[in-house]
């Protein structure tokens, strides 16, 4: 008798698996899976803790210890990015490129003094010219653009740009 019942259960259970595989999966709405009361309670608890921390900070004189307390707020005018970079003491990318170009020019001039026939001079000038091309793309004004360098105009351009 037990074997017979087991056999029937197995047959019916096997059919149930086939039916379950054939049925489409219908996702439940988000509201069904959320307990809104619990979520609301957790959010209120977070707000309460944040408010308590702020009140304790104020009570202990934390606001008075902040830099700039009691001074008017300086609102940046003009280019916002430029003012933020200035406050952070960060140069614009084209200014950093100018520094790199200067280093390459100085290297090339030093190599020219030591050995005028050195192929390293051409490599330094090529690097500087690639950086000059990039600088000319990035510079916000035509007055900041630079001409390409050659062995012949290297000293003249250096004098014009950096002296």
Foldseek 3Di string as FASTA:
>chain_A
DVVVVVVVCVVVVVVVVVVVVPDDDDDDDPVVVDDVVVVVVVVVVVVVVVVVVVVVCVVVVVQVPDPPPPHDDDDDDDDPVVVVCVVVVHDPPLVVLVVVLLVLLVVLVVCCVVPVVDCVNVVSLVVSQVSLVVSCVPDPDPVRHDDRDDPVCSVVRCVVPPD
